[in-house]
Amino acid sequence: MLDLLTQISALEGKFWLRLLYIHPDHFPMEILPLMKDDPRILPYFDIPFQHADAGILKRMGRKGDRETYLNLIHKLREEFPHGVIRSTIMTGFPGETKKSFAEVKRFLIEAKLDWVGFFLYSREEGTEAYDYRGALGTRMAAGRSNKQKTILEDLQEGITEEQMNRFVGQEMILIVEEEVEGEPLYLTRGHIQAPEVDGLVVLRAENLTAGQLVRGKIIKRNGLDLEAVLLEHDNA
């Protein structure tokens, strides 16, 4: 990873590089100094933790647990205070109990992740878990997992809103995606938002074009989205 990013960083020109799907058990800490030196490598970390209970993670073939993952999150935030962390969490994995589900809730509350996607376990041929017992074998089990997924989504929505509040009042480089028809508004994204999976920044401006980089000031949060006013076109 370090060799690849070093070669990319040597390229000239303007671009954004966003790191997606970095395995939490093998996070390449050596890339952090390079990221600090090259702002084109965005401080956005997509790390699929999947779970937080040590027993469930072991059954998934992972080595981590709630504490080791929290330590990684703390380190990243220490190095990049204005960075963001996205993750995914799975519910309904074979062997999940009320206790292990509670461990996930505890993890989300403590981790305060910026963005999280939730999904239900499904059997995949070729994986060790394919033959595990209790793999959503009944309608009742599937219903329980759906309910757990909803509980986690509701919990995380409040956490994400709280996390987005910290950007209100700050200036941010935004990339223009599209104009809102009939309104002096544009849908944009900052370094804190990956395309299609995260929220947006609604920018008050006129005469902009898709793909343009501009500087805006975040003035408020609306749900999971942010609202900004135009300060200047970014020519950096």
Protein backbone atom coordinates (compact mmCIF):
# COMPACT_ATOMS: atom_id res chain seq x y z
CA MET A 1 0.00 0.00 0.00
CA LEU A 2 2.76 2.44 0.92
CA ASP A 3 4.63 1.80 -2.34
CA LEU A 4 1.45 2.31 -4.37
CA LEU A 5 0.48 5.53 -2.61
CA THR A 6 4.03 6.85 -2.90
CA GLN A 7 3.95 6.38 -6.67
CA ILE A 8 0.51 8.00 -6.94
CA SER A 9 1.64 10.90 -4.77
CA ALA A 10 4.51 11.52 -7.17
CA LEU A 11 2.02 12.32 -9.94
CA GLU A 12 1.35 15.95 -10.75
CA GLY A 13 -2.07 17.52 -10.99
CA LYS A 14 -5.24 17.94 -8.99
CA PHE A 15 -7.12 14.86 -7.81
CA TRP A 16 -8.74 13.31 -4.78
CA LEU A 17 -7.74 9.85 -3.65
CA ARG A 18 -10.08 8.14 -1.19
CA LEU A 19 -9.04 4.93 0.59
CA LEU A 20 -11.87 2.41 0.65
CA TYR A 21 -12.21 -0.96 2.35
CA ILE A 22 -9.04 -1.18 4.45
CA HIS A 23 -8.96 -4.38 6.53
CA PRO A 24 -8.91 -3.38 10.22
CA ASP A 25 -6.62 -6.27 11.21
CA HIS A 26 -3.96 -5.16 8.72
CA PHE A 27 -4.23 -1.38 8.70
CA PRO A 28 -1.03 0.05 7.10
CA MET A 29 -0.07 2.66 9.69
CA GLU A 30 3.00 3.57 7.62
CA ILE A 31 0.79 5.42 5.12
CA LEU A 32 -0.25 8.09 7.64
CA PRO A 33 2.85 10.35 7.27
CA LEU A 34 2.44 10.27 3.48
CA MET A 35 -1.22 11.24 3.81
CA LYS A 36 -0.23 14.20 5.95
CA ASP A 37 2.27 15.33 3.33
CA ASP A 38 -0.16 15.02 0.39
CA PRO A 39 -3.64 16.49 1.02
CA ARG A 40 -4.85 14.93 -2.22
CA ILE A 41 -4.96 11.64 -0.30
CA LEU A 42 -8.09 12.40 1.69
CA PRO A 43 -8.32 11.78 5.44
CA TYR A 44 -11.24 9.43 4.85
CA PHE A 45 -10.91 5.89 6.18
CA ASP A 46 -13.32 3.17 5.09
CA ILE A 47 -12.66 0.30 7.52
CA PRO A 48 -15.18 -2.61 7.53
CA PHE A 49 -15.14 -3.64 11.18
CA GLN A 50 -18.18 -5.92 10.58
CA HIS A 51 -18.64 -6.66 14.30
CA ALA A 52 -17.17 -5.91 17.72
CA ASP A 53 -17.63 -9.14 19.68
CA ALA A 54 -14.37 -11.11 19.87
CA GLY A 55 -16.12 -14.48 19.56
CA ILE A 56 -18.09 -13.50 16.46
CA LEU A 57 -15.03 -11.88 14.87
CA LYS A 58 -13.04 -15.08 15.46
CA ARG A 59 -15.76 -17.09 13.72
CA MET A 60 -15.45 -14.62 10.83
CA GLY A 61 -11.74 -15.39 10.63
CA ARG A 62 -10.73 -12.05 12.13
CA LYS A 63 -8.30 -11.25 14.91
CA GLY A 64 -9.72 -8.01 16.30
CA ASP A 65 -12.06 -7.11 19.12
CA ARG A 66 -13.80 -4.02 20.43
CA GLU A 67 -10.73 -2.69 22.24
CA THR A 68 -8.26 -3.12 19.38
CA TYR A 69 -10.68 -1.48 16.96
CA LEU A 70 -11.31 1.42 19.33
CA ASN A 71 -7.54 1.89 19.67
CA LEU A 72 -7.20 2.08 15.87
CA ILE A 73 -9.99 4.65 15.68
CA HIS A 74 -8.38 6.72 18.44
CA LYS A 75 -5.03 6.70 16.63
CA LEU A 76 -6.56 7.84 13.33
CA ARG A 77 -8.46 10.66 15.01
CA GLU A 78 -5.36 11.70 16.88
CA GLU A 79 -3.47 11.99 13.57
CA PHE A 80 -6.38 13.46 11.56
CA PRO A 81 -8.79 15.42 13.83
CA HIS A 82 -10.86 16.52 10.82
CA GLY A 83 -10.81 13.12 9.14
CA VAL A 84 -13.77 10.78 8.95
CA ILE A 85 -14.22 7.05 9.42
CA ARG A 86 -16.78 4.90 7.60
CA SER A 87 -17.50 1.27 8.39
CA THR A 88 -19.93 -1.58 7.85
CA ILE A 89 -21.57 -3.78 10.47
CA MET A 90 -23.12 -7.19 9.90
CA THR A 91 -26.07 -8.55 11.89
CA GLY A 92 -27.33 -12.12 12.04
CA PHE A 93 -23.96 -13.85 11.76
CA PRO A 94 -24.22 -17.50 12.94
CA GLY A 95 -23.70 -17.67 16.68
CA GLU A 96 -24.67 -14.06 17.39
CA THR A 97 -26.31 -13.77 20.80
CA LYS A 98 -27.95 -10.97 22.75
CA LYS A 99 -24.62 -10.44 24.53
CA SER A 100 -22.61 -10.19 21.31
CA PHE A 101 -25.23 -7.87 19.80
CA ALA A 102 -24.97 -5.66 22.89
CA GLU A 103 -21.21 -5.53 22.31
CA VAL A 104 -21.84 -4.05 18.86
CA LYS A 105 -24.13 -1.38 20.31
CA ARG A 106 -21.52 -0.55 22.93
CA PHE A 107 -18.86 -0.30 20.22
CA LEU A 108 -20.92 2.09 18.08
CA ILE A 109 -21.61 4.34 21.07
CA GLU A 110 -17.94 4.44 22.04
CA ALA A 111 -16.47 4.63 18.52
CA LYS A 112 -18.71 7.45 17.29
CA LEU A 113 -18.07 6.51 13.67
CA ASP A 114 -19.00 9.12 11.08
CA TRP A 115 -20.71 6.82 8.61
CA VAL A 116 -21.86 3.20 8.97
CA GLY A 117 -23.69 0.85 6.64
CA PHE A 118 -25.54 -2.17 8.04
CA PHE A 119 -26.34 -5.42 6.30
CA LEU A 120 -27.69 -8.88 7.09
CA TYR A 121 -25.54 -11.98 7.00
CA SER A 122 -26.08 -14.17 3.97
CA ARG A 123 -24.46 -17.51 3.20
CA GLU A 124 -21.74 -17.46 0.57
CA GLU A 125 -20.35 -20.63 -0.91
CA GLY A 126 -16.66 -21.12 -0.36
CA THR A 127 -16.64 -19.39 3.02
CA GLU A 128 -16.09 -21.16 6.33
CA ALA A 129 -19.34 -19.70 7.66
CA TYR A 130 -21.38 -21.33 4.89
CA ASP A 131 -21.83 -24.51 6.95
CA TYR A 132 -22.24 -22.83 10.34
CA ARG A 133 -25.38 -23.77 12.17
CA GLY A 134 -27.89 -21.05 12.89
CA ALA A 135 -27.28 -19.25 9.63
CA LEU A 136 -30.68 -17.54 9.48
CA GLY A 137 -32.30 -20.91 8.98
CA THR A 138 -35.75 -19.82 10.12
CA ARG A 139 -38.11 -16.98 9.39
CA MET A 140 -37.96 -16.05 13.08
CA ALA A 141 -34.17 -15.75 12.97
CA ALA A 142 -34.33 -13.57 9.87
CA GLY A 143 -36.93 -11.35 11.49
CA ARG A 144 -34.79 -10.96 14.59
CA SER A 145 -31.77 -9.94 12.52
CA ASN A 146 -33.84 -7.38 10.62
CA LYS A 147 -35.02 -5.91 13.91
CA GLN A 148 -31.44 -5.73 15.19
CA LYS A 149 -30.35 -4.03 11.98
CA THR A 150 -33.07 -1.38 12.44
CA ILE A 151 -32.01 -0.82 16.06
CA LEU A 152 -28.41 -0.23 15.01
CA GLU A 153 -29.40 2.04 12.12
CA ASP A 154 -31.51 4.21 14.44
CA LEU A 155 -28.66 4.37 16.96
CA GLN A 156 -26.08 5.29 14.34
CA GLU A 157 -28.25 7.97 12.74
CA GLY A 158 -28.07 10.02 15.92
CA ILE A 159 -24.33 9.44 16.20
CA THR A 160 -23.72 10.51 12.60
CA GLU A 161 -25.76 13.67 13.06
CA GLU A 162 -23.69 14.50 16.15
CA GLN A 163 -20.47 13.84 14.22
CA MET A 164 -21.54 16.07 11.33
CA ASN A 165 -22.24 18.92 13.74
CA ARG A 166 -18.51 19.35 14.29
CA PHE A 167 -18.10 20.63 10.72
CA VAL A 168 -20.64 23.46 11.09
CA GLY A 169 -18.82 26.78 10.93
CA GLN A 170 -15.83 25.33 9.11
CA GLU A 171 -14.56 26.03 5.61
CA MET A 172 -14.32 23.06 3.26
CA ILE A 173 -13.22 22.34 -0.31
CA LEU A 174 -16.24 20.94 -2.17
CA ILE A 175 -16.58 19.14 -5.46
CA VAL A 176 -19.69 20.09 -7.42
CA GLU A 177 -21.86 17.16 -8.51
CA GLU A 178 -25.04 18.65 -9.96
CA GLU A 179 -27.32 21.66 -9.95
CA VAL A 180 -30.67 21.62 -8.17
CA GLU A 181 -33.18 22.47 -10.89
CA GLY A 182 -34.98 25.74 -10.36
CA GLU A 183 -32.96 26.72 -7.29
CA PRO A 184 -29.64 28.55 -6.76
CA LEU A 185 -28.35 25.37 -5.14
CA TYR A 186 -25.83 22.64 -5.99
CA LEU A 187 -25.30 19.16 -4.61
CA THR A 188 -21.65 18.85 -3.62
CA ARG A 189 -19.36 16.65 -1.55
CA GLY A 190 -16.43 17.35 0.72
CA HIS A 191 -13.59 15.06 1.76
CA ILE A 192 -15.93 13.73 4.45
CA GLN A 193 -18.35 12.14 1.96
CA ALA A 194 -17.80 9.27 -0.44
CA PRO A 195 -20.04 9.23 -3.54
CA GLU A 196 -23.44 7.54 -3.25
CA VAL A 197 -23.01 6.09 0.25
CA ASP A 198 -22.64 9.17 2.47
CA GLY A 199 -24.53 12.43 2.81
CA LEU A 200 -24.11 15.57 0.71
CA VAL A 201 -23.35 19.26 1.11
CA VAL A 202 -26.08 21.47 -0.35
CA LEU A 203 -24.28 24.58 -1.55
CA ARG A 204 -25.92 27.97 -2.10
CA ALA A 205 -24.32 29.29 -5.29
CA GLU A 206 -24.84 30.07 -8.96
CA ASN A 207 -23.04 29.52 -12.28
CA LEU A 208 -21.03 26.46 -11.24
CA THR A 209 -20.26 23.35 -13.28
CA ALA A 210 -20.10 19.66 -12.36
CA GLY A 211 -16.61 18.59 -11.32
CA GLN A 212 -15.57 22.07 -10.26
CA LEU A 213 -13.76 22.53 -6.95
CA VAL A 214 -14.98 25.41 -4.79
CA ARG A 215 -14.49 26.62 -1.26
CA GLY A 216 -17.57 26.81 0.93
CA LYS A 217 -18.44 27.47 4.54
CA ILE A 218 -20.68 24.95 6.32
CA ILE A 219 -23.51 26.89 7.95
CA LYS A 220 -25.87 24.17 9.22
CA ARG A 221 -26.77 20.50 9.29
CA ASN A 222 -30.03 19.18 7.83
CA GLY A 223 -30.45 15.58 8.92
CA LEU A 224 -27.40 13.71 7.62
CA ASP A 225 -26.60 16.42 5.04
CA LEU A 226 -24.84 19.72 5.45
CA GLU A 227 -25.60 23.16 4.03
CA ALA A 228 -22.95 25.62 2.86
CA VAL A 229 -22.48 29.02 1.26
CA LEU A 230 -19.94 29.74 -1.47
CA LEU A 231 -16.76 31.55 -0.45
CA GLU A 232 -14.66 31.26 -3.58
CA HIS A 233 -13.63 29.01 -6.43
CA ASP A 234 -10.68 26.92 -5.38
CA ASN A 235 -7.64 27.39 -7.59
CA ALA A 236 -5.18 25.65 -5.28
